[in-house]
Amino acid sequence: IAGCPEMTMEQYIAEYTSQILENDYYGVVNWANWKGIQVPEELAWII
């Protein structure tokens, strides 16, 4: 949201939660890792 305020915080949370629950998390995990966010161990294998 800091970089792209087109969506609300709630919308981003809903989108990322949906991606993780649907096993469609490659992009968000790698983007977050690239931006320096600590990736949880259960998703770290995707990096």
ModelCIF file with pLDDT and N, C-alpha, C, O atoms, coordinates in Angstrom:
data_MODEL
#
_entry.id   MODEL 
#
_entity.id                         1 
_entity.type                       polymer 
_entity.pdbx_number_of_molecules   1 
#
_entity_poly.entity_id                      1 
_entity_poly.type                           'polypeptide(L)' 
_entity_poly.nstd_linkage                   no 
_entity_poly.nstd_monomer                   no 
_entity_poly.pdbx_seq_one_letter_code       IAGCPEMTMEQYIAEYTSQILENDYYGVVNWANWKGIQVPEELAWII 
_entity_poly.pdbx_seq_one_letter_code_can   IAGCPEMTMEQYIAEYTSQILENDYYGVVNWANWKGIQVPEELAWII 
_entity_poly.pdbx_strand_id                 A 
#
loop_
_entity_poly_seq.entity_id 
_entity_poly_seq.num 
_entity_poly_seq.mon_id 
_entity_poly_seq.hetero 
1 1  ILE n 
1 2  ALA n 
1 3  GLY n 
1 4  CYS n 
1 5  PRO n 
1 6  GLU n 
1 7  MET n 
1 8  THR n 
1 9  MET n 
1 10 GLU n 
1 11 GLN n 
1 12 TYR n 
1 13 ILE n 
1 14 ALA n 
1 15 GLU n 
1 16 TYR n 
1 17 THR n 
1 18 SER n 
1 19 GLN n 
1 20 ILE n 
1 21 LEU n 
1 22 GLU n 
1 23 ASN n 
1 24 ASP n 
1 25 TYR n 
1 26 TYR n 
1 27 GLY n 
1 28 VAL n 
1 29 VAL n 
1 30 ASN n 
1 31 TRP n 
1 32 ALA n 
1 33 ASN n 
1 34 TRP n 
1 35 LYS n 
1 36 GLY n 
1 37 ILE n 
1 38 GLN n 
1 39 VAL n 
1 40 PRO n 
1 41 GLU n 
1 42 GLU n 
1 43 LEU n 
1 44 ALA n 
1 45 TRP n 
1 46 ILE n 
1 47 ILE n 
#
_struct_asym.id          A 
_struct_asym.entity_id   1 
#
loop_
_ma_qa_metric.id 
_ma_qa_metric.mode 
_ma_qa_metric.name 
_ma_qa_metric.software_group_id 
_ma_qa_metric.type 
1 global pLDDT . pLDDT 
2 local  pLDDT . pLDDT 
#
_ma_qa_metric_global.metric_id      1 
_ma_qa_metric_global.metric_value   87.89 
_ma_qa_metric_global.model_id       1 
_ma_qa_metric_global.ordinal_id     1 
#
loop_
_ma_qa_metric_local.label_asym_id 
_ma_qa_metric_local.label_comp_id 
_ma_qa_metric_local.label_seq_id 
_ma_qa_metric_local.metric_id 
_ma_qa_metric_local.metric_value 
_ma_qa_metric_local.model_id 
_ma_qa_metric_local.ordinal_id 
A ILE 1  2 89.00 1 1  
A ALA 2  2 90.00 1 2  
A GLY 3  2 88.00 1 3  
A CYS 4  2 85.00 1 4  
A PRO 5  2 85.00 1 5  
A GLU 6  2 87.00 1 6  
A MET 7  2 88.00 1 7  
A THR 8  2 90.00 1 8  
A MET 9  2 91.00 1 9  
A GLU 10 2 92.00 1 10 
A GLN 11 2 92.00 1 11 
A TYR 12 2 91.00 1 12 
A ILE 13 2 92.00 1 13 
A ALA 14 2 91.00 1 14 
A GLU 15 2 90.00 1 15 
A TYR 16 2 91.00 1 16 
A THR 17 2 90.00 1 17 
A SER 18 2 86.00 1 18 
A GLN 19 2 85.00 1 19 
A ILE 20 2 85.00 1 20 
A LEU 21 2 83.00 1 21 
A GLU 22 2 77.00 1 22 
A ASN 23 2 73.00 1 23 
A ASP 24 2 77.00 1 24 
A TYR 25 2 80.00 1 25 
A TYR 26 2 82.00 1 26 
A GLY 27 2 88.00 1 27 
A VAL 28 2 91.00 1 28 
A VAL 29 2 92.00 1 29 
A ASN 30 2 89.00 1 30 
A TRP 31 2 93.00 1 31 
A ALA 32 2 94.00 1 32 
A ASN 33 2 93.00 1 33 
A TRP 34 2 94.00 1 34 
A LYS 35 2 94.00 1 35 
A GLY 36 2 95.00 1 36 
A ILE 37 2 95.00 1 37 
A GLN 38 2 94.00 1 38 
A VAL 39 2 93.00 1 39 
A PRO 40 2 91.00 1 40 
A GLU 41 2 86.00 1 41 
A GLU 42 2 82.00 1 42 
A LEU 43 2 86.00 1 43 
A ALA 44 2 85.00 1 44 
A TRP 45 2 79.00 1 45 
A ILE 46 2 82.00 1 46 
A ILE 47 2 85.00 1 47 
#
loop_
_atom_site.group_PDB 
_atom_site.id 
_atom_site.type_symbol 
_atom_site.label_atom_id 
_atom_site.label_alt_id 
_atom_site.label_comp_id 
_atom_site.label_asym_id 
_atom_site.label_entity_id 
_atom_site.label_seq_id 
_atom_site.pdbx_PDB_ins_code 
_atom_site.Cartn_x 
_atom_site.Cartn_y 
_atom_site.Cartn_z 
_atom_site.occupancy 
_atom_site.B_iso_or_equiv 
_atom_site.pdbx_formal_charge 
_atom_site.auth_seq_id 
_atom_site.auth_comp_id 
_atom_site.auth_asym_id 
_atom_site.auth_atom_id 
_atom_site.pdbx_PDB_model_num 
ATOM 1   N N  . ILE A 1 1  ? 0.828  -1.206  0.000  1.00 89.00 ? 1  ILE A N  1 
ATOM 2   C CA . ILE A 1 1  ? 0.000  0.000   0.000  1.00 89.00 ? 1  ILE A CA 1 
ATOM 3   C C  . ILE A 1 1  ? 0.865  1.259   0.000  1.00 89.00 ? 1  ILE A C  1 
ATOM 4   O O  . ILE A 1 1  ? 0.463  2.284   -0.550 1.00 89.00 ? 1  ILE A O  1 
ATOM 5   N N  . ALA A 1 2  ? 2.039  1.191   0.607  1.00 90.00 ? 2  ALA A N  1 
ATOM 6   C CA . ALA A 1 2  ? 2.945  2.342   0.606  1.00 90.00 ? 2  ALA A CA 1 
ATOM 7   C C  . ALA A 1 2  ? 3.436  2.644   -0.812 1.00 90.00 ? 2  ALA A C  1 
ATOM 8   O O  . ALA A 1 2  ? 3.636  3.803   -1.176 1.00 90.00 ? 2  ALA A O  1 
ATOM 9   N N  . GLY A 1 3  ? 3.626  1.601   -1.594 1.00 88.00 ? 3  GLY A N  1 
ATOM 10  C CA . GLY A 1 3  ? 4.130  1.783   -2.956 1.00 88.00 ? 3  GLY A CA 1 
ATOM 11  C C  . GLY A 1 3  ? 3.053  1.922   -4.006 1.00 88.00 ? 3  GLY A C  1 
ATOM 12  O O  . GLY A 1 3  ? 3.297  2.455   -5.089 1.00 88.00 ? 3  GLY A O  1 
ATOM 13  N N  . CYS A 1 4  ? 1.868  1.448   -3.692 1.00 85.00 ? 4  CYS A N  1 
ATOM 14  C CA . CYS A 1 4  ? 0.794  1.456   -4.687 1.00 85.00 ? 4  CYS A CA 1 
ATOM 15  C C  . CYS A 1 4  ? -0.548 1.568   -3.954 1.00 85.00 ? 4  CYS A C  1 
ATOM 16  O O  . CYS A 1 4  ? -1.190 0.551   -3.691 1.00 85.00 ? 4  CYS A O  1 
ATOM 17  N N  . PRO A 1 5  ? -0.976 2.782   -3.623 1.00 85.00 ? 5  PRO A N  1 
ATOM 18  C CA . PRO A 1 5  ? -2.195 2.959   -2.815 1.00 85.00 ? 5  PRO A CA 1 
ATOM 19  C C  . PRO A 1 5  ? -3.497 2.798   -3.605 1.00 85.00 ? 5  PRO A C  1 
ATOM 20  O O  . PRO A 1 5  ? -4.522 3.352   -3.207 1.00 85.00 ? 5  PRO A O  1 
ATOM 21  N N  . GLU A 1 6  ? -3.479 2.060   -4.702 1.00 87.00 ? 6  GLU A N  1 
ATOM 22  C CA . GLU A 1 6  ? -4.696 1.856   -5.493 1.00 87.00 ? 6  GLU A CA 1 
ATOM 23  C C  . GLU A 1 6  ? -5.713 0.985   -4.765 1.00 87.00 ? 6  GLU A C  1 
ATOM 24  O O  . GLU A 1 6  ? -6.912 1.063   -5.033 1.00 87.00 ? 6  GLU A O  1 
ATOM 25  N N  . MET A 1 7  ? -5.229 0.153   -3.839 1.00 88.00 ? 7  MET A N  1 
ATOM 26  C CA . MET A 1 7  ? -6.119 -0.699  -3.052 1.00 88.00 ? 7  MET A CA 1 
ATOM 27  C C  . MET A 1 7  ? -5.967 -0.327  -1.585 1.00 88.00 ? 7  MET A C  1 
ATOM 28  O O  . MET A 1 7  ? -4.971 0.276   -1.187 1.00 88.00 ? 7  MET A O  1 
ATOM 29  N N  . THR A 1 8  ? -6.956 -0.690  -0.790 1.00 90.00 ? 8  THR A N  1 
ATOM 30  C CA . THR A 1 8  ? -6.881 -0.434  0.647  1.00 90.00 ? 8  THR A CA 1 
ATOM 31  C C  . THR A 1 8  ? -6.056 -1.532  1.310  1.00 90.00 ? 8  THR A C  1 
ATOM 32  O O  . THR A 1 8  ? -5.782 -2.570  0.708  1.00 90.00 ? 8  THR A O  1 
ATOM 33  N N  . MET A 1 9  ? -5.670 -1.288  2.548  1.00 91.00 ? 9  MET A N  1 
ATOM 34  C CA . MET A 1 9  ? -4.941 -2.288  3.324  1.00 91.00 ? 9  MET A CA 1 
ATOM 35  C C  . MET A 1 9  ? -5.758 -3.575  3.411  1.00 91.00 ? 9  MET A C  1 
ATOM 36  O O  . MET A 1 9  ? -5.208 -4.666  3.259  1.00 91.00 ? 9  MET A O  1 
ATOM 37  N N  . GLU A 1 10 ? -7.056 -3.461  3.652  1.00 92.00 ? 10 GLU A N  1 
ATOM 38  C CA . GLU A 1 10 ? -7.932 -4.628  3.762  1.00 92.00 ? 10 GLU A CA 1 
ATOM 39  C C  . GLU A 1 10 ? -7.987 -5.408  2.448  1.00 92.00 ? 10 GLU A C  1 
ATOM 40  O O  . GLU A 1 10 ? -8.027 -6.638  2.449  1.00 92.00 ? 10 GLU A O  1 
ATOM 41  N N  . GLN A 1 11 ? -7.990 -4.687  1.335  1.00 92.00 ? 11 GLN A N  1 
ATOM 42  C CA . GLN A 1 11 ? -8.019 -5.356  0.030  1.00 92.00 ? 11 GLN A CA 1 
ATOM 43  C C  . GLN A 1 11 ? -6.719 -6.119  -0.225 1.00 92.00 ? 11 GLN A C  1 
ATOM 44  O O  . GLN A 1 11 ? -6.746 -7.243  -0.727 1.00 92.00 ? 11 GLN A O  1 
ATOM 45  N N  . TYR A 1 12 ? -5.581 -5.508  0.120  1.00 91.00 ? 12 TYR A N  1 
ATOM 46  C CA . TYR A 1 12 ? -4.308 -6.212  -0.033 1.00 91.00 ? 12 TYR A CA 1 
ATOM 47  C C  . TYR A 1 12 ? -4.268 -7.457  0.851  1.00 91.00 ? 12 TYR A C  1 
ATOM 48  O O  . TYR A 1 12 ? -3.854 -8.528  0.407  1.00 91.00 ? 12 TYR A O  1 
ATOM 49  N N  . ILE A 1 13 ? -4.697 -7.312  2.093  1.00 92.00 ? 13 ILE A N  1 
ATOM 50  C CA . ILE A 1 13 ? -4.701 -8.461  3.009  1.00 92.00 ? 13 ILE A CA 1 
ATOM 51  C C  . ILE A 1 13 ? -5.596 -9.572  2.463  1.00 92.00 ? 13 ILE A C  1 
ATOM 52  O O  . ILE A 1 13 ? -5.215 -10.743 2.473  1.00 92.00 ? 13 ILE A O  1 
ATOM 53  N N  . ALA A 1 14 ? -6.779 -9.204  1.991  1.00 91.00 ? 14 ALA A N  1 
ATOM 54  C CA . ALA A 1 14 ? -7.698 -10.206 1.432  1.00 91.00 ? 14 ALA A CA 1 
ATOM 55  C C  . ALA A 1 14 ? -7.088 -10.875 0.210  1.00 91.00 ? 14 ALA A C  1 
ATOM 56  O O  . ALA A 1 14 ? -7.196 -12.092 0.057  1.00 91.00 ? 14 ALA A O  1 
ATOM 57  N N  . GLU A 1 15 ? -6.452 -10.105 -0.659 1.00 90.00 ? 15 GLU A N  1 
ATOM 58  C CA . GLU A 1 15 ? -5.845 -10.657 -1.876 1.00 90.00 ? 15 GLU A CA 1 
ATOM 59  C C  . GLU A 1 15 ? -4.709 -11.613 -1.539 1.00 90.00 ? 15 GLU A C  1 
ATOM 60  O O  . GLU A 1 15 ? -4.657 -12.718 -2.079 1.00 90.00 ? 15 GLU A O  1 
ATOM 61  N N  . TYR A 1 16 ? -3.804 -11.211 -0.662 1.00 91.00 ? 16 TYR A N  1 
ATOM 62  C CA . TYR A 1 16 ? -2.656 -12.060 -0.311 1.00 91.00 ? 16 TYR A CA 1 
ATOM 63  C C  . TYR A 1 16 ? -3.101 -13.306 0.454  1.00 91.00 ? 16 TYR A C  1 
ATOM 64  O O  . TYR A 1 16 ? -2.552 -14.389 0.251  1.00 91.00 ? 16 TYR A O  1 
ATOM 65  N N  . THR A 1 17 ? -4.090 -13.154 1.330  1.00 90.00 ? 17 THR A N  1 
ATOM 66  C CA . THR A 1 17 ? -4.613 -14.320 2.050  1.00 90.00 ? 17 THR A CA 1 
ATOM 67  C C  . THR A 1 17 ? -5.225 -15.310 1.061  1.00 90.00 ? 17 THR A C  1 
ATOM 68  O O  . THR A 1 17 ? -4.993 -16.516 1.157  1.00 90.00 ? 17 THR A O  1 
ATOM 69  N N  . SER A 1 18 ? -5.997 -14.801 0.124  1.00 86.00 ? 18 SER A N  1 
ATOM 70  C CA . SER A 1 18 ? -6.605 -15.653 -0.900 1.00 86.00 ? 18 SER A CA 1 
ATOM 71  C C  . SER A 1 18 ? -5.538 -16.382 -1.712 1.00 86.00 ? 18 SER A C  1 
ATOM 72  O O  . SER A 1 18 ? -5.667 -17.577 -1.976 1.00 86.00 ? 18 SER A O  1 
ATOM 73  N N  . GLN A 1 19 ? -4.489 -15.668 -2.106 1.00 85.00 ? 19 GLN A N  1 
ATOM 74  C CA . GLN A 1 19 ? -3.421 -16.298 -2.893 1.00 85.00 ? 19 GLN A CA 1 
ATOM 75  C C  . GLN A 1 19 ? -2.767 -17.430 -2.111 1.00 85.00 ? 19 GLN A C  1 
ATOM 76  O O  . GLN A 1 19 ? -2.513 -18.501 -2.661 1.00 85.00 ? 19 GLN A O  1 
ATOM 77  N N  . ILE A 1 20 ? -2.499 -17.199 -0.848 1.00 85.00 ? 20 ILE A N  1 
ATOM 78  C CA . ILE A 1 20 ? -1.850 -18.233 -0.042 1.00 85.00 ? 20 ILE A CA 1 
ATOM 79  C C  . ILE A 1 20 ? -2.775 -19.422 0.173  1.00 85.00 ? 20 ILE A C  1 
ATOM 80  O O  . ILE A 1 20 ? -2.334 -20.568 0.086  1.00 85.00 ? 20 ILE A O  1 
ATOM 81  N N  . LEU A 1 21 ? -4.045 -19.171 0.450  1.00 83.00 ? 21 LEU A N  1 
ATOM 82  C CA . LEU A 1 21 ? -4.984 -20.274 0.642  1.00 83.00 ? 21 LEU A CA 1 
ATOM 83  C C  . LEU A 1 21 ? -5.211 -21.067 -0.645 1.00 83.00 ? 21 LEU A C  1 
ATOM 84  O O  . LEU A 1 21 ? -5.547 -22.250 -0.593 1.00 83.00 ? 21 LEU A O  1 
ATOM 85  N N  . GLU A 1 22 ? -5.030 -20.427 -1.791 1.00 77.00 ? 22 GLU A N  1 
ATOM 86  C CA . GLU A 1 22 ? -5.231 -21.095 -3.080 1.00 77.00 ? 22 GLU A CA 1 
ATOM 87  C C  . GLU A 1 22 ? -3.921 -21.615 -3.679 1.00 77.00 ? 22 GLU A C  1 
ATOM 88  O O  . GLU A 1 22 ? -3.892 -22.027 -4.838 1.00 77.00 ? 22 GLU A O  1 
ATOM 89  N N  . ASN A 1 23 ? -2.840 -21.599 -2.896 1.00 73.00 ? 23 ASN A N  1 
ATOM 90  C CA . ASN A 1 23 ? -1.520 -22.050 -3.383 1.00 73.00 ? 23 ASN A CA 1 
ATOM 91  C C  . ASN A 1 23 ? -1.069 -21.284 -4.618 1.00 73.00 ? 23 ASN A C  1 
ATOM 92  O O  . ASN A 1 23 ? -0.452 -21.858 -5.514 1.00 73.00 ? 23 ASN A O  1 
ATOM 93  N N  . ASP A 1 24 ? -1.369 -20.010 -4.669 1.00 77.00 ? 24 ASP A N  1 
ATOM 94  C CA . ASP A 1 24 ? -0.986 -19.154 -5.793 1.00 77.00 ? 24 ASP A CA 1 
ATOM 95  C C  . ASP A 1 24 ? -0.137 -18.006 -5.249 1.00 77.00 ? 24 ASP A C  1 
ATOM 96  O O  . ASP A 1 24 ? -0.479 -16.832 -5.396 1.00 77.00 ? 24 ASP A O  1 
ATOM 97  N N  . TYR A 1 25 ? 0.981  -18.378 -4.614 1.00 80.00 ? 25 TYR A N  1 
ATOM 98  C CA . TYR A 1 25 ? 1.734  -17.405 -3.841 1.00 80.00 ? 25 TYR A CA 1 
ATOM 99  C C  . TYR A 1 25 ? 3.143  -17.154 -4.341 1.00 80.00 ? 25 TYR A C  1 
ATOM 100 O O  . TYR A 1 25 ? 3.904  -16.457 -3.670 1.00 80.00 ? 25 TYR A O  1 
ATOM 101 N N  . TYR A 1 26 ? 3.513  -17.678 -5.461 1.00 82.00 ? 26 TYR A N  1 
ATOM 102 C CA . TYR A 1 26 ? 4.872  -17.510 -5.979 1.00 82.00 ? 26 TYR A CA 1 
ATOM 103 C C  . TYR A 1 26 ? 5.250  -16.031 -6.078 1.00 82.00 ? 26 TYR A C  1 
ATOM 104 O O  . TYR A 1 26 ? 6.298  -15.623 -5.577 1.00 82.00 ? 26 TYR A O  1 
ATOM 105 N N  . GLY A 1 27 ? 4.403  -15.231 -6.719 1.00 88.00 ? 27 GLY A N  1 
ATOM 106 C CA . GLY A 1 27 ? 4.706  -13.816 -6.928 1.00 88.00 ? 27 GLY A CA 1 
ATOM 107 C C  . GLY A 1 27 ? 4.799  -13.029 -5.642 1.00 88.00 ? 27 GLY A C  1 
ATOM 108 O O  . GLY A 1 27 ? 5.760  -12.286 -5.442 1.00 88.00 ? 27 GLY A O  1 
ATOM 109 N N  . VAL A 1 28 ? 3.815  -13.175 -4.761 1.00 91.00 ? 28 VAL A N  1 
ATOM 110 C CA . VAL A 1 28 ? 3.796  -12.381 -3.541 1.00 91.00 ? 28 VAL A CA 1 
ATOM 111 C C  . VAL A 1 28 ? 4.945  -12.778 -2.620 1.00 91.00 ? 28 VAL A C  1 
ATOM 112 O O  . VAL A 1 28 ? 5.548  -11.904 -1.997 1.00 91.00 ? 28 VAL A O  1 
ATOM 113 N N  . VAL A 1 29 ? 5.264  -14.051 -2.514 1.00 92.00 ? 29 VAL A N  1 
ATOM 114 C CA . VAL A 1 29 ? 6.368  -14.478 -1.646 1.00 92.00 ? 29 VAL A CA 1 
ATOM 115 C C  . VAL A 1 29 ? 7.692  -13.948 -2.171 1.00 92.00 ? 29 VAL A C  1 
ATOM 116 O O  . VAL A 1 29 ? 8.498  -13.418 -1.405 1.00 92.00 ? 29 VAL A O  1 
ATOM 117 N N  . ASN A 1 30 ? 7.919  -14.085 -3.462 1.00 89.00 ? 30 ASN A N  1 
ATOM 118 C CA . ASN A 1 30 ? 9.194  -13.621 -4.023 1.00 89.00 ? 30 ASN A CA 1 
ATOM 119 C C  . ASN A 1 30 ? 9.304  -12.102 -4.006 1.00 89.00 ? 30 ASN A C  1 
ATOM 120 O O  . ASN A 1 30 ? 10.389 -11.567 -3.774 1.00 89.00 ? 30 ASN A O  1 
ATOM 121 N N  . TRP A 1 31 ? 8.200  -11.398 -4.248 1.00 93.00 ? 31 TRP A N  1 
ATOM 122 C CA . TRP A 1 31 ? 8.229  -9.937  -4.173 1.00 93.00 ? 31 TRP A CA 1 
ATOM 123 C C  . TRP A 1 31 ? 8.553  -9.494  -2.755 1.00 93.00 ? 31 TRP A C  1 
ATOM 124 O O  . TRP A 1 31 ? 9.397  -8.623  -2.547 1.00 93.00 ? 31 TRP A O  1 
ATOM 125 N N  . ALA A 1 32 ? 7.874  -10.101 -1.771 1.00 94.00 ? 32 ALA A N  1 
ATOM 126 C CA . ALA A 1 32 ? 8.106  -9.743  -0.363 1.00 94.00 ? 32 ALA A CA 1 
ATOM 127 C C  . ALA A 1 32 ? 9.552  -10.037 0.032  1.00 94.00 ? 32 ALA A C  1 
ATOM 128 O O  . ALA A 1 32 ? 10.188 -9.225  0.703  1.00 94.00 ? 32 ALA A O  1 
ATOM 129 N N  . ASN A 1 33 ? 10.065 -11.176 -0.375 1.00 93.00 ? 33 ASN A N  1 
ATOM 130 C CA . ASN A 1 33 ? 11.453 -11.521 -0.063 1.00 93.00 ? 33 ASN A CA 1 
ATOM 131 C C  . ASN A 1 33 ? 12.410 -10.510 -0.691 1.00 93.00 ? 33 ASN A C  1 
ATOM 132 O O  . ASN A 1 33 ? 13.373 -10.081 -0.058 1.00 93.00 ? 33 ASN A O  1 
ATOM 133 N N  . TRP A 1 34 ? 12.139 -10.139 -1.928 1.00 94.00 ? 34 TRP A N  1 
ATOM 134 C CA . TRP A 1 34 ? 12.962 -9.162  -2.643 1.00 94.00 ? 34 TRP A CA 1 
ATOM 135 C C  . TRP A 1 34 ? 12.949 -7.815  -1.922 1.00 94.00 ? 34 TRP A C  1 
ATOM 136 O O  . TRP A 1 34 ? 13.946 -7.094  -1.905 1.00 94.00 ? 34 TRP A O  1 
ATOM 137 N N  . LYS A 1 35 ? 11.797 -7.491  -1.327 1.00 94.00 ? 35 LYS A N  1 
ATOM 138 C CA . LYS A 1 35 ? 11.658 -6.224  -0.604 1.00 94.00 ? 35 LYS A CA 1 
ATOM 139 C C  . LYS A 1 35 ? 12.176 -6.307  0.839  1.00 94.00 ? 35 LYS A C  1 
ATOM 140 O O  . LYS A 1 35 ? 12.131 -5.320  1.573  1.00 94.00 ? 35 LYS A O  1 
ATOM 141 N N  . GLY A 1 36 ? 12.665 -7.479  1.242  1.00 95.00 ? 36 GLY A N  1 
ATOM 142 C CA . GLY A 1 36 ? 13.267 -7.628  2.560  1.00 95.00 ? 36 GLY A CA 1 
ATOM 143 C C  . GLY A 1 36 ? 12.327 -8.045  3.671  1.00 95.00 ? 36 GLY A C  1 
ATOM 144 O O  . GLY A 1 36 ? 12.684 -7.949  4.846  1.00 95.00 ? 36 GLY A O  1 
ATOM 145 N N  . ILE A 1 37 ? 11.146 -8.501  3.333  1.00 95.00 ? 37 ILE A N  1 
ATOM 146 C CA . ILE A 1 37 ? 10.196 -8.970  4.348  1.00 95.00 ? 37 ILE A CA 1 
ATOM 147 C C  . ILE A 1 37 ? 10.526 -10.418 4.698  1.00 95.00 ? 37 ILE A C  1 
ATOM 148 O O  . ILE A 1 37 ? 10.757 -11.238 3.810  1.00 95.00 ? 37 ILE A O  1 
ATOM 149 N N  . GLN A 1 38 ? 10.547 -10.726 5.983  1.00 94.00 ? 38 GLN A N  1 
ATOM 150 C CA . GLN A 1 38 ? 10.837 -12.089 6.441  1.00 94.00 ? 38 GLN A CA 1 
ATOM 151 C C  . GLN A 1 38 ? 9.711  -13.025 5.989  1.00 94.00 ? 38 GLN A C  1 
ATOM 152 O O  . GLN A 1 38 ? 8.547  -12.819 6.334  1.00 94.00 ? 38 GLN A O  1 
ATOM 153 N N  . VAL A 1 39 ? 10.069 -14.049 5.219  1.00 93.00 ? 39 VAL A N  1 
ATOM 154 C CA . VAL A 1 39 ? 9.097  -15.022 4.718  1.00 93.00 ? 39 VAL A CA 1 
ATOM 155 C C  . VAL A 1 39 ? 8.993  -16.159 5.730  1.00 93.00 ? 39 VAL A C  1 
ATOM 156 O O  . VAL A 1 39 ? 10.023 -16.683 6.153  1.00 93.00 ? 39 VAL A O  1 
ATOM 157 N N  . PRO A 1 40 ? 7.784  -16.559 6.132  1.00 91.00 ? 40 PRO A N  1 
ATOM 158 C CA . PRO A 1 40 ? 7.648  -17.650 7.097  1.00 91.00 ? 40 PRO A CA 1 
ATOM 159 C C  . PRO A 1 40 ? 8.224  -18.948 6.531  1.00 91.00 ? 40 PRO A C  1 
ATOM 160 O O  . PRO A 1 40 ? 8.214  -19.181 5.322  1.00 91.00 ? 40 PRO A O  1 
ATOM 161 N N  . GLU A 1 41 ? 8.721  -19.774 7.428  1.00 86.00 ? 41 GLU A N  1 
ATOM 162 C CA . GLU A 1 41 ? 9.378  -21.022 7.035  1.00 86.00 ? 41 GLU A CA 1 
ATOM 163 C C  . GLU A 1 41 ? 8.494  -21.884 6.139  1.00 86.00 ? 41 GLU A C  1 
ATOM 164 O O  . GLU A 1 41 ? 8.992  -22.522 5.211  1.00 86.00 ? 41 GLU A O  1 
ATOM 165 N N  . GLU A 1 42 ? 7.190  -21.911 6.405  1.00 82.00 ? 42 GLU A N  1 
ATOM 166 C CA . GLU A 1 42 ? 6.293  -22.750 5.619  1.00 82.00 ? 42 GLU A CA 1 
ATOM 167 C C  . GLU A 1 42 ? 6.186  -22.307 4.157  1.00 82.00 ? 42 GLU A C  1 
ATOM 168 O O  . GLU A 1 42 ? 5.749  -23.084 3.308  1.00 82.00 ? 42 GLU A O  1 
ATOM 169 N N  . LEU A 1 43 ? 6.582  -21.066 3.857  1.00 86.00 ? 43 LEU A N  1 
ATOM 170 C CA . LEU A 1 43 ? 6.548  -20.560 2.486  1.00 86.00 ? 43 LEU A CA 1 
ATOM 171 C C  . LEU A 1 43 ? 7.948  -20.317 1.916  1.00 86.00 ? 43 LEU A C  1 
ATOM 172 O O  . LEU A 1 43 ? 8.083  -19.996 0.735  1.00 86.00 ? 43 LEU A O  1 
ATOM 173 N N  . ALA A 1 44 ? 8.981  -20.464 2.733  1.00 85.00 ? 44 ALA A N  1 
ATOM 174 C CA . ALA A 1 44 ? 10.343 -20.113 2.316  1.00 85.00 ? 44 ALA A CA 1 
ATOM 175 C C  . ALA A 1 44 ? 10.853 -20.961 1.161  1.00 85.00 ? 44 ALA A C  1 
ATOM 176 O O  . ALA A 1 44 ? 11.704 -20.503 0.399  1.00 85.00 ? 44 ALA A O  1 
ATOM 177 N N  . TRP A 1 45 ? 10.360 -22.178 1.011  1.00 79.00 ? 45 TRP A N  1 
ATOM 178 C CA . TRP A 1 45 ? 10.830 -23.047 -0.078 1.00 79.00 ? 45 TRP A CA 1 
ATOM 179 C C  . TRP A 1 45 ? 10.486 -22.468 -1.442 1.00 79.00 ? 45 TRP A C  1 
ATOM 180 O O  . TRP A 1 45 ? 11.078 -22.862 -2.446 1.00 79.00 ? 45 TRP A O  1 
ATOM 181 N N  . ILE A 1 46 ? 9.538  -21.539 -1.492 1.00 82.00 ? 46 ILE A N  1 
ATOM 182 C CA . ILE A 1 46 ? 9.089  -20.954 -2.762 1.00 82.00 ? 46 ILE A CA 1 
ATOM 183 C C  . ILE A 1 46 ? 10.083 -19.914 -3.273 1.00 82.00 ? 46 ILE A C  1 
ATOM 184 O O  . ILE A 1 46 ? 10.089 -19.595 -4.462 1.00 82.00 ? 46 ILE A O  1 
ATOM 185 N N  . ILE A 1 47 ? 10.909 -19.391 -2.398 1.00 85.00 ? 47 ILE A N  1 
ATOM 186 C CA . ILE A 1 47 ? 11.795 -18.288 -2.756 1.00 85.00 ? 47 ILE A CA 1 
ATOM 187 C C  . ILE A 1 47 ? 12.690 -18.677 -3.928 1.00 85.00 ? 47 ILE A C  1 
ATOM 188 O O  . ILE A 1 47 ? 13.508 -17.872 -4.373 1.00 85.00 ? 47 ILE A O  1 
#
